[in-house]
Protein backbone atom coordinates (compact mmCIF):
# COMPACT_ATOMS: atom_id res chain seq x y z
CA UNK A 1 45.83 -53.07 -7.72
CA UNK A 2 45.22 -49.60 -6.16
CA UNK A 3 41.35 -51.36 -4.82
CA UNK A 4 43.10 -54.17 -3.36
CA UNK A 5 45.55 -52.40 -1.95
CA UNK A 6 42.61 -50.17 -0.03
CA UNK A 7 40.88 -52.96 1.13
CA UNK A 8 44.01 -54.37 2.46
CA UNK A 9 44.77 -50.97 4.51
CA UNK A 10 40.97 -50.79 5.30
CA UNK A 11 41.16 -53.93 7.23
CA UNK A 12 44.09 -52.95 8.96
CA UNK A 13 42.29 -50.08 10.35
CA UNK A 14 39.15 -51.55 11.43
CA UNK A 15 41.19 -53.77 13.14
CA UNK A 16 43.21 -51.22 14.66
CA UNK A 17 40.16 -49.53 15.93
CA UNK A 18 38.30 -52.21 16.92
CA UNK A 19 41.22 -53.88 18.69
CA UNK A 20 40.61 -52.98 22.48
CA UNK A 21 37.06 -54.20 22.13
CA UNK A 22 38.52 -57.56 20.84
CA UNK A 23 40.08 -60.56 22.82
CA UNK A 24 43.33 -60.90 22.82
CA UNK A 25 43.57 -64.28 21.93
CA UNK A 26 41.79 -67.33 20.37
CA UNK A 27 42.69 -70.39 19.48
CA UNK A 28 41.77 -73.84 18.53
CA UNK A 29 43.26 -77.67 17.99
CA UNK A 30 44.90 -78.76 15.18
CA UNK A 31 41.68 -80.93 13.80
CA UNK A 32 39.29 -78.00 14.04
CA UNK A 33 41.94 -75.66 11.98
CA UNK A 34 42.25 -77.99 9.39
CA UNK A 35 38.61 -78.60 8.91
CA UNK A 36 38.43 -75.10 8.53
CA UNK A 37 41.52 -74.32 6.28
CA UNK A 38 43.00 -76.91 5.14
CA UNK A 39 42.49 -77.70 1.51
CA UNK A 40 44.16 -79.22 -1.64
CA UNK A 41 46.08 -76.16 -4.25
CA UNK A 42 43.35 -75.17 -6.47
CA UNK A 43 43.92 -75.49 -10.15
CA UNK A 44 42.12 -72.54 -10.41
CA UNK A 45 42.71 -68.98 -9.18
CA UNK A 46 40.24 -66.81 -7.34
CA UNK A 47 39.85 -63.29 -6.70
CA UNK A 48 42.43 -61.62 -4.32
CA UNK A 49 39.50 -59.79 -2.89
CA UNK A 50 37.44 -62.38 -1.83
CA UNK A 51 40.40 -64.12 -0.35
CA UNK A 52 41.77 -61.43 1.51
CA UNK A 53 38.45 -61.42 3.08
CA UNK A 54 38.20 -65.05 3.59
CA UNK A 55 41.91 -64.50 5.51
CA UNK A 56 40.42 -62.22 8.40
CA UNK A 57 37.22 -63.95 8.20
CA UNK A 58 38.85 -67.42 9.39
CA UNK A 59 42.67 -67.32 9.43
CA UNK A 60 43.88 -64.24 11.85
CA UNK A 61 40.92 -64.70 14.63
CA UNK A 62 42.98 -67.65 15.14
CA UNK A 63 45.99 -66.70 16.79
CA UNK A 64 46.74 -64.29 19.56
CA UNK A 65 46.13 -60.30 19.24
CA UNK A 66 49.93 -59.56 20.34
CA UNK A 67 49.17 -55.54 19.89
CA UNK A 68 46.26 -56.06 22.38
CA UNK A 69 46.59 -53.97 25.82
CA UNK A 70 46.06 -57.02 27.62
CA UNK A 71 48.32 -59.42 25.95
CA UNK A 72 50.71 -59.16 28.94
CA UNK A 73 52.07 -62.80 28.11
CA UNK A 74 55.51 -64.16 27.11
CA UNK A 75 57.32 -60.28 24.95
CA UNK A 76 54.58 -59.07 23.11
CA UNK A 77 54.70 -56.50 20.45
CA UNK A 78 52.67 -53.73 19.79
CA UNK A 79 54.03 -51.58 16.21
CA UNK A 80 53.20 -48.09 15.39
CA UNK A 81 51.38 -46.93 11.66
CA UNK A 82 55.02 -45.76 10.78
CA UNK A 83 56.50 -49.36 10.56
CA UNK A 84 53.42 -50.84 9.02
CA UNK A 85 53.58 -48.07 6.43
CA UNK A 86 57.33 -49.21 6.05
CA UNK A 87 56.19 -52.90 5.62
CA UNK A 88 54.17 -51.69 3.20
CA UNK A 89 57.23 -50.21 1.03
CA UNK A 90 59.22 -52.67 1.91
CA UNK A 91 57.08 -55.38 -0.04
CA UNK A 92 56.43 -53.10 -2.79
CA UNK A 93 59.91 -52.46 -3.77
CA UNK A 94 61.37 -55.77 -2.46
CA UNK A 95 65.19 -54.56 -2.04
CA UNK A 96 67.93 -57.60 -1.69
CA UNK A 97 69.91 -56.21 0.67
CA UNK A 98 72.63 -58.38 0.91
CA UNK A 99 75.30 -55.96 -0.99
CA UNK A 100 76.07 -52.40 -1.07
CA UNK A 101 75.65 -52.53 -5.01
CA UNK A 102 72.28 -53.83 -4.89
CA UNK A 103 71.65 -51.29 -2.33
CA UNK A 104 73.14 -48.47 -1.47
CA UNK A 105 70.50 -45.83 -0.18
CA UNK A 106 68.62 -48.53 2.08
CA UNK A 107 72.36 -49.83 3.44
CA UNK A 108 72.64 -46.12 4.22
CA UNK A 109 69.63 -46.09 6.27
CA UNK A 110 70.71 -49.29 7.92
CA UNK A 111 73.80 -47.51 9.17
CA UNK A 112 72.13 -44.54 10.53
CA UNK A 113 69.77 -46.46 12.00
CA UNK A 114 72.34 -48.51 13.92
CA UNK A 115 74.51 -45.59 14.34
CA UNK A 116 71.41 -43.97 16.67
CA UNK A 117 71.35 -47.70 18.13
CA UNK A 118 75.12 -47.38 19.14
CA UNK A 119 74.66 -43.83 20.88
CA UNK A 120 71.58 -44.98 23.02
CA UNK A 121 73.14 -47.84 24.50
CA UNK A 122 76.46 -45.66 24.91
CA UNK A 123 78.81 -48.07 22.57
CA UNK A 124 81.83 -46.49 22.11
CA UNK A 125 82.30 -44.65 18.33
CA UNK A 126 83.07 -47.22 15.81
CA UNK A 127 80.74 -49.83 17.12
CA UNK A 128 78.18 -50.94 14.41
CA UNK A 129 76.43 -53.98 13.85
CA UNK A 130 73.09 -55.96 11.49
CA UNK A 131 69.61 -55.84 11.47
CA UNK A 132 68.63 -59.42 12.26
CA UNK A 133 65.45 -61.33 12.01
CA UNK A 134 64.67 -60.93 15.85
CA UNK A 135 66.81 -61.90 18.79
CA UNK A 136 67.27 -65.68 18.38
CA UNK A 137 69.33 -65.11 15.55
CA UNK A 138 71.32 -62.25 17.24
CA UNK A 139 72.30 -63.91 19.64
CA UNK A 140 73.51 -67.03 17.40
CA UNK A 141 75.30 -64.35 15.46
CA UNK A 142 77.27 -63.40 18.80
CA UNK A 143 78.22 -66.91 19.73
CA UNK A 144 79.75 -67.39 16.89
CA UNK A 145 81.31 -64.08 16.23
CA UNK A 146 83.16 -64.91 19.82
CA UNK A 147 83.83 -68.26 18.87
CA UNK A 148 86.25 -67.01 15.64
CA UNK A 149 87.44 -64.20 17.80
CA UNK A 150 88.34 -66.71 20.01
CA UNK A 151 90.57 -69.11 17.53
CA UNK A 152 88.18 -72.03 17.87
CA UNK A 153 90.45 -73.01 20.75
CA UNK A 154 90.31 -76.15 22.22
CA UNK A 155 87.89 -77.16 24.56
CA UNK A 156 85.82 -74.54 24.48
CA UNK A 157 83.45 -72.82 26.75
CA UNK A 158 80.47 -70.66 26.69
CA UNK A 159 79.08 -69.22 30.06
CA UNK A 160 74.84 -68.46 30.54
CA UNK A 161 73.00 -67.29 33.27
CA UNK A 162 70.31 -69.50 34.50
CA UNK A 163 68.00 -66.41 33.52
CA UNK A 164 69.27 -66.47 30.80
CA UNK A 165 67.15 -66.77 27.45
CA UNK A 166 67.18 -70.43 25.31
CA UNK A 167 68.53 -69.03 22.32
CA UNK A 168 71.83 -68.74 23.79
CA UNK A 169 72.02 -72.23 24.67
CA UNK A 170 70.55 -72.98 21.25
CA UNK A 171 73.07 -70.34 19.44
CA UNK A 172 75.83 -72.28 21.38
CA UNK A 173 74.94 -75.47 20.29
CA UNK A 174 74.68 -74.55 16.60
CA UNK A 175 77.93 -72.80 16.85
CA UNK A 176 79.00 -76.36 17.75
CA UNK A 177 79.54 -75.92 21.24
CA UNK A 178 78.38 -79.63 23.25
CA UNK A 179 75.85 -79.77 25.86
CA UNK A 180 78.91 -79.99 28.26
CA UNK A 181 80.72 -76.71 27.49
CA UNK A 182 77.89 -75.02 28.09
CA UNK A 183 77.93 -73.90 31.49
CA UNK A 184 74.76 -72.59 33.05
CA UNK A 185 75.46 -70.21 35.83
CA UNK A 186 73.44 -70.29 38.75
CA UNK A 187 71.81 -66.90 40.28
CA UNK A 188 71.25 -65.27 43.92
CA UNK A 189 68.28 -64.68 45.36
CA UNK A 190 68.09 -61.48 42.84
CA UNK A 191 68.33 -63.67 39.81
CA UNK A 192 71.51 -61.78 38.70
CA UNK A 193 74.56 -62.94 37.81
CA UNK A 194 77.01 -62.33 39.90
CA UNK A 195 80.47 -61.51 39.17
CA UNK A 196 82.50 -63.41 41.64
CA UNK A 197 80.85 -66.98 40.77
CA UNK A 198 81.42 -66.16 37.12
CA UNK A 199 85.26 -65.31 38.30
CA UNK A 200 85.16 -68.88 39.94
CA UNK A 201 83.89 -70.68 36.87
CA UNK A 202 86.34 -69.34 34.52
CA UNK A 203 89.28 -70.40 37.20
CA UNK A 204 87.68 -73.53 37.46
CA UNK A 205 87.95 -74.13 34.11
CA UNK A 206 91.14 -73.35 33.14
CA UNK A 207 92.40 -74.91 35.60
CA UNK A 208 91.09 -78.07 34.06
CA UNK A 209 92.45 -77.24 30.52
CA UNK A 210 89.07 -75.49 29.05
CA UNK A 211 89.23 -72.28 27.85
CA UNK A 212 86.48 -69.67 28.63
CA UNK A 213 85.23 -68.33 25.18
CA UNK A 214 82.02 -66.07 26.08
CA UNK A 215 79.98 -64.51 29.25
CA UNK A 216 76.45 -64.32 28.12
CA UNK A 217 74.15 -61.42 30.56
CA UNK A 218 70.94 -60.58 31.03
CA UNK A 219 69.82 -56.60 29.70
CA UNK A 220 66.25 -57.47 31.40
CA UNK A 221 66.15 -61.04 31.91
CA UNK A 222 62.83 -62.56 30.14
CA UNK A 223 61.39 -64.07 33.49
CA UNK A 224 61.40 -61.00 35.39
CA UNK A 225 63.31 -58.48 33.70
CA UNK A 226 66.04 -58.23 35.81
CA UNK A 227 69.29 -56.46 34.59
CA UNK A 228 72.76 -58.09 35.66
CA UNK A 229 75.53 -56.09 36.75
CA UNK A 230 76.96 -54.96 33.45
CA UNK A 231 79.64 -53.27 34.28
CA UNK A 232 81.52 -55.66 36.38
CA UNK A 233 80.56 -58.73 34.52
CA UNK A 234 82.48 -56.37 31.41
CA UNK A 235 85.10 -54.93 33.42
CA UNK A 236 86.11 -58.41 34.32
CA UNK A 237 85.79 -60.33 31.21
CA UNK A 238 88.55 -57.88 29.90
CA UNK A 239 90.41 -58.46 32.32
CA UNK A 240 90.14 -62.46 31.72
CA UNK A 241 90.23 -61.97 27.74
CA UNK A 242 86.65 -63.80 27.65
CA UNK A 243 84.01 -61.98 24.97
CA UNK A 244 81.54 -60.20 26.99
CA UNK A 245 77.81 -60.33 25.16
CA UNK A 246 74.98 -58.97 26.79
CA UNK A 247 71.00 -59.81 25.81
CA UNK A 248 69.26 -56.91 26.22
CA UNK A 249 66.70 -58.00 23.54
CA UNK A 250 63.65 -56.76 24.63
CA UNK A 251 64.65 -54.29 27.56
CA UNK A 252 67.24 -52.70 25.97
CA UNK A 253 65.61 -49.94 24.59
CA UNK A 254 64.69 -48.93 28.00
CA UNK A 255 68.16 -46.72 27.81
CA UNK A 256 65.98 -44.03 25.67
CA UNK A 257 64.63 -43.20 29.39
CA UNK A 258 66.44 -41.96 32.37
CA UNK A 259 65.41 -44.87 34.52
CA UNK A 260 66.45 -47.61 32.02
CA UNK A 261 69.74 -45.66 31.64
CA UNK A 262 70.40 -46.20 35.09
CA UNK A 263 69.52 -49.61 35.03
CA UNK A 264 71.76 -50.78 32.36
CA UNK A 265 74.67 -48.80 33.21
CA UNK A 266 77.79 -50.46 31.47
CA UNK A 267 75.07 -51.92 28.75
CA UNK A 268 77.69 -50.08 25.55
CA UNK A 269 80.75 -51.89 27.41
CA UNK A 270 79.69 -55.19 26.39
CA UNK A 271 81.28 -56.41 22.93
CA UNK A 272 78.30 -57.36 21.72
CA UNK A 273 74.69 -56.66 22.47
CA UNK A 274 71.06 -58.58 21.31
CA UNK A 275 68.36 -55.70 20.73
CA UNK A 276 64.96 -56.45 19.01
CA UNK A 277 63.11 -53.90 18.00
CA UNK A 278 59.86 -55.31 17.30
CA UNK A 279 59.56 -55.62 20.87
CA UNK A 280 60.08 -52.24 22.99
CA UNK A 281 60.72 -49.67 19.85
CA UNK A 282 57.03 -50.51 18.43
CA UNK A 283 58.30 -52.47 15.23
CA UNK A 284 56.57 -54.92 13.18
CA UNK A 285 57.90 -58.54 12.75
CA UNK A 286 60.81 -59.44 12.08
CA UNK A 287 63.24 -56.57 13.13
CA UNK A 288 66.59 -57.79 15.83
CA UNK A 289 69.89 -56.08 15.74
CA UNK A 290 73.02 -57.03 17.14
CA UNK A 291 75.35 -54.43 17.94
CA UNK A 292 79.32 -55.20 18.36
CA UNK A 293 82.20 -52.97 19.16
CA UNK A 294 84.13 -53.63 16.68
CA UNK A 295 82.77 -54.81 12.89
CA UNK A 296 85.34 -55.97 11.54
CA UNK A 297 85.19 -58.75 13.80
CA UNK A 298 81.86 -59.64 13.00
CA UNK A 299 82.55 -59.50 9.25
CA UNK A 300 85.84 -61.47 9.41
CA UNK A 301 83.58 -63.96 11.04
CA UNK A 302 80.89 -64.37 8.41
CA UNK A 303 82.54 -63.08 5.24
CA UNK A 304 82.53 -65.52 2.54
CA UNK A 305 83.91 -64.67 -0.86
CA UNK A 306 82.73 -66.17 -4.34
CA UNK A 307 83.28 -65.95 -7.62
CA UNK A 308 79.80 -64.90 -8.87
CA UNK A 309 80.19 -61.94 -5.89
CA UNK A 310 82.70 -60.23 -7.53
CA UNK A 311 80.99 -57.76 -8.74
CA UNK A 312 79.96 -56.49 -4.77
CA UNK A 313 83.60 -55.54 -3.70
CA UNK A 314 83.60 -52.93 -1.55
CA UNK A 315 84.91 -49.84 -1.87
CA UNK A 316 85.16 -46.12 0.48
CA UNK A 317 83.63 -47.58 3.64
CA UNK A 318 80.81 -49.42 1.32
CA UNK A 319 79.07 -51.99 3.81
CA UNK A 320 77.42 -55.33 2.54
CA UNK A 321 75.42 -56.52 5.43
CA UNK A 322 75.35 -60.24 4.11
CA UNK A 323 79.12 -60.76 4.88
CA UNK A 324 77.82 -59.19 9.03
CA UNK A 325 75.56 -62.90 9.21
CA UNK A 326 74.17 -65.29 7.74
CA UNK A 327 71.91 -64.07 5.23
CA UNK A 328 72.94 -62.78 1.74
CA UNK A 329 69.06 -62.01 0.87
CA UNK A 330 67.89 -59.54 3.32
CA UNK A 331 64.95 -57.04 3.70
CA UNK A 332 65.09 -54.07 3.88
CA UNK A 333 64.44 -54.06 7.51
CA UNK A 334 65.84 -50.43 8.76
CA UNK A 335 63.16 -48.56 6.61
CA UNK A 336 60.60 -49.28 9.69
CA UNK A 337 62.88 -47.67 12.05
CA UNK A 338 64.13 -45.08 10.23
CA UNK A 339 60.19 -43.99 9.21
CA UNK A 340 59.22 -44.91 13.56
CA UNK A 341 62.17 -42.83 14.53
CA UNK A 342 61.69 -39.88 12.42
CA UNK A 343 57.91 -39.84 12.19
CA UNK A 344 57.46 -39.68 16.08
CA UNK A 345 60.42 -38.36 17.16
CA UNK A 346 62.60 -39.89 20.54
CA UNK A 347 60.98 -38.44 23.26
CA UNK A 348 58.26 -40.18 21.95
CA UNK A 349 59.76 -43.52 21.85
CA UNK A 350 60.71 -42.51 25.91
CA UNK A 351 57.19 -41.47 26.73
CA UNK A 352 55.90 -45.05 25.46
CA UNK A 353 58.63 -46.81 26.81
CA UNK A 354 58.69 -45.19 30.23
CA UNK A 355 54.91 -45.15 30.92
CA UNK A 356 55.89 -49.50 30.62
CA UNK A 357 57.96 -49.29 33.59
CA UNK A 358 55.79 -46.95 35.55
CA UNK A 359 53.14 -49.30 34.61
CA UNK A 360 54.63 -52.13 36.07
CA UNK A 361 55.85 -50.15 39.22
CA UNK A 362 51.52 -49.49 39.57
CA UNK A 363 51.03 -53.07 39.41
CA UNK A 364 53.49 -54.25 41.73
CA UNK A 365 52.17 -51.66 44.30
CA UNK A 366 48.70 -52.66 44.23
CA UNK A 367 50.12 -56.61 44.07
CA UNK A 368 51.69 -56.00 47.60
CA UNK A 369 48.78 -53.96 48.98
CA UNK A 370 46.32 -56.69 48.76
CA UNK A 371 46.67 -59.38 51.32
CA UNK A 372 45.37 -62.38 48.37
CA UNK A 373 48.30 -61.39 46.06
CA UNK A 374 51.67 -61.97 46.27
CA UNK A 375 54.45 -60.34 44.52
CA UNK A 376 57.01 -63.18 43.68
CA UNK A 377 59.93 -60.68 42.78
CA UNK A 378 60.55 -56.97 42.24
CA UNK A 379 58.65 -55.56 38.79
CA UNK A 380 61.59 -54.36 36.44
CA UNK A 381 61.61 -52.39 34.04
CA UNK A 382 58.14 -53.68 32.67
CA UNK A 383 57.77 -57.30 33.78
CA UNK A 384 55.61 -58.18 36.68
CA UNK A 385 55.55 -61.79 38.53
CA UNK A 386 52.84 -62.66 41.25
CA UNK A 387 50.53 -65.27 42.33
CA UNK A 388 47.46 -65.59 43.97
CA UNK A 389 47.45 -67.13 47.61
CA UNK A 390 44.05 -67.35 49.68
CA UNK A 391 44.47 -66.05 52.68
CA UNK A 392 43.38 -67.94 56.40
CA UNK A 393 46.61 -70.57 56.17
CA UNK A 394 49.16 -71.52 53.77
CA UNK A 395 48.96 -74.04 50.69
CA UNK A 396 51.49 -76.21 49.86
CA UNK A 397 53.12 -75.14 46.39
CA UNK A 398 51.61 -77.88 44.35
CA UNK A 399 48.15 -76.58 45.26
CA UNK A 400 48.94 -73.05 44.91
CA UNK A 401 50.39 -73.98 41.01
CA UNK A 402 47.03 -76.05 40.71
CA UNK A 403 45.06 -72.78 41.55
CA UNK A 404 46.64 -70.25 39.76
CA UNK A 405 46.89 -72.43 36.62
CA UNK A 406 43.10 -71.97 36.69
CA UNK A 407 42.67 -68.63 37.17
CA UNK A 408 45.17 -68.35 34.29
CA UNK A 409 42.94 -70.61 31.97
CA UNK A 410 39.58 -68.87 32.99
CA UNK A 411 41.34 -65.49 32.19
CA UNK A 412 42.17 -66.79 28.98
CA UNK A 413 38.75 -68.66 28.04
CA UNK A 414 36.89 -65.33 29.08
CA UNK A 415 39.03 -63.39 26.76
CA UNK A 416 39.62 -60.27 29.13
CA UNK A 417 43.33 -60.75 29.25
CA UNK A 418 46.51 -63.19 27.88
CA UNK A 419 49.30 -63.93 30.74
CA UNK A 420 52.09 -66.26 30.67
CA UNK A 421 53.45 -68.16 33.41
CA UNK A 422 56.97 -69.03 34.41
CA UNK A 423 58.86 -70.84 37.67
CA UNK A 424 60.73 -68.37 39.94
CA UNK A 425 62.61 -70.87 42.64
CA UNK A 426 60.16 -73.89 41.20
CA UNK A 427 57.26 -71.66 42.57
CA UNK A 428 54.51 -71.22 39.75
CA UNK A 429 54.41 -67.61 38.69
CA UNK A 430 51.92 -65.62 36.72
CA UNK A 431 53.33 -63.13 35.07
CA UNK A 432 52.92 -59.00 33.02
CA UNK A 433 55.30 -58.05 30.46
CA UNK A 434 54.46 -54.26 29.85
CA UNK A 435 56.19 -53.45 27.09
CA UNK A 436 52.26 -52.37 24.50
CA UNK A 437 52.27 -48.36 24.21
CA UNK A 438 48.12 -49.06 24.11
CA UNK A 439 47.99 -50.18 27.83
CA UNK A 440 46.55 -48.19 30.32
CA UNK A 441 46.51 -48.52 34.38
CA UNK A 442 42.82 -49.54 33.78
CA UNK A 443 43.61 -52.66 31.85
CA UNK A 444 45.81 -53.65 34.83
CA UNK A 445 44.04 -52.54 37.38
CA UNK A 446 40.66 -54.77 35.68
CA UNK A 447 43.12 -58.06 35.58
CA UNK A 448 44.26 -57.76 39.25
CA UNK A 449 40.51 -57.04 40.10
CA UNK A 450 39.77 -60.64 37.42
CA UNK A 451 42.38 -62.69 39.25
CA UNK A 452 41.17 -61.83 42.80
CA UNK A 453 37.55 -62.58 41.39
CA UNK A 454 38.31 -65.69 40.18
CA UNK A 455 40.55 -66.81 42.63
CA UNK A 456 38.35 -66.48 45.48
CA UNK A 457 35.54 -68.18 43.45
CA UNK A 458 37.97 -71.45 43.51
CA UNK A 459 38.53 -71.38 46.65
CA UNK A 460 34.89 -71.46 47.13
CA UNK A 461 33.88 -74.08 44.63
CA UNK A 462 36.90 -76.25 46.52
CA UNK A 463 35.67 -75.49 49.77
CA UNK A 464 32.12 -76.46 49.12
CA UNK A 465 33.18 -79.59 47.10
């Protein structure tokens, strides 16, 4: 057992040591993967050491290196070593953390971690929550809790921004809201949800016999990193008697920095907040979180009693985390955060988060300096949206989209960088999401050099043909 454990750890250490020299991404077709990996279930076993070697050589290479310093697509994750060590202990001890009876120690650690989060985001004393698999699950729990708090009203409505994460609409549909009961509100030129627009939407729906249940705002929109005016929206929702939720899945931990606290002012006034420690708190998958001002409302929404759980009745302030969400069987996720914070300290986490925001500003500044690059939205938190735009004349949007998509493909195929794309007001945008504690300015500078080089080469090829 020790020999195999050392073998596994050695593989992970070797991977981390060689990560910067590796490709950020490598993919393959379904046919190629089936030819390489598909097999019938064997009747006889094989040495696990040999199988680990096979997995490292043939399975893991065909996946994104999400923690690579030049993996800037979607919303990446770059766990630290304390989180990986915690995962080993979590798997080995295999704690069931659905009830206090079966996990008093792990449950207290989760309460401690949630209290850290409560203090960081500025939620009042008494707030709490639950760790989840990720932001999608946390958003679903928030929608269900808001629905329960509203008492399952007739003709309910939930409101999301046109920049809101897709999991909010998915969660609303799972929670029983029909598509015509989900309002997608337009944002302004700054891509922020406007309190006046929200107020008008609430009034319109009430006039038509609907019951507003929940307003969902962004604490760092996935597209652009934009933060809605949280304090104003919180006040509006209090006056209107509507649940106010903030999806701060990746952006919420920017509150560790002075700049982030200013940008996210009002976050703690929300009724509920989604956070994802496996994003900007450098945890391994899966580790999300839902924070609520009143955990009793969370428990009221999800607690279901059963005869076979009669031994788990609570006393003296104990918490059954299985009563705060959809999972009764849940792992000891809090150990990852606990071990990370206690190992490196809060200041190191602040520095790492702050570095991402600084790099985003630097990238935005260089993009603005380059005549052939166009900044499509001001850098926000760790997100930068831009595109290549050739000098010497304008091009239509279709041509610019095709050109930038080809630039993106070329960088991906060359193994230089993994960037995802998005659309802003219909325009195709390249996008950096800089959350990795390994990423340095040299990485971003190199990628921008490559975007310029590939853009020029493609234009030259087009003109020659």
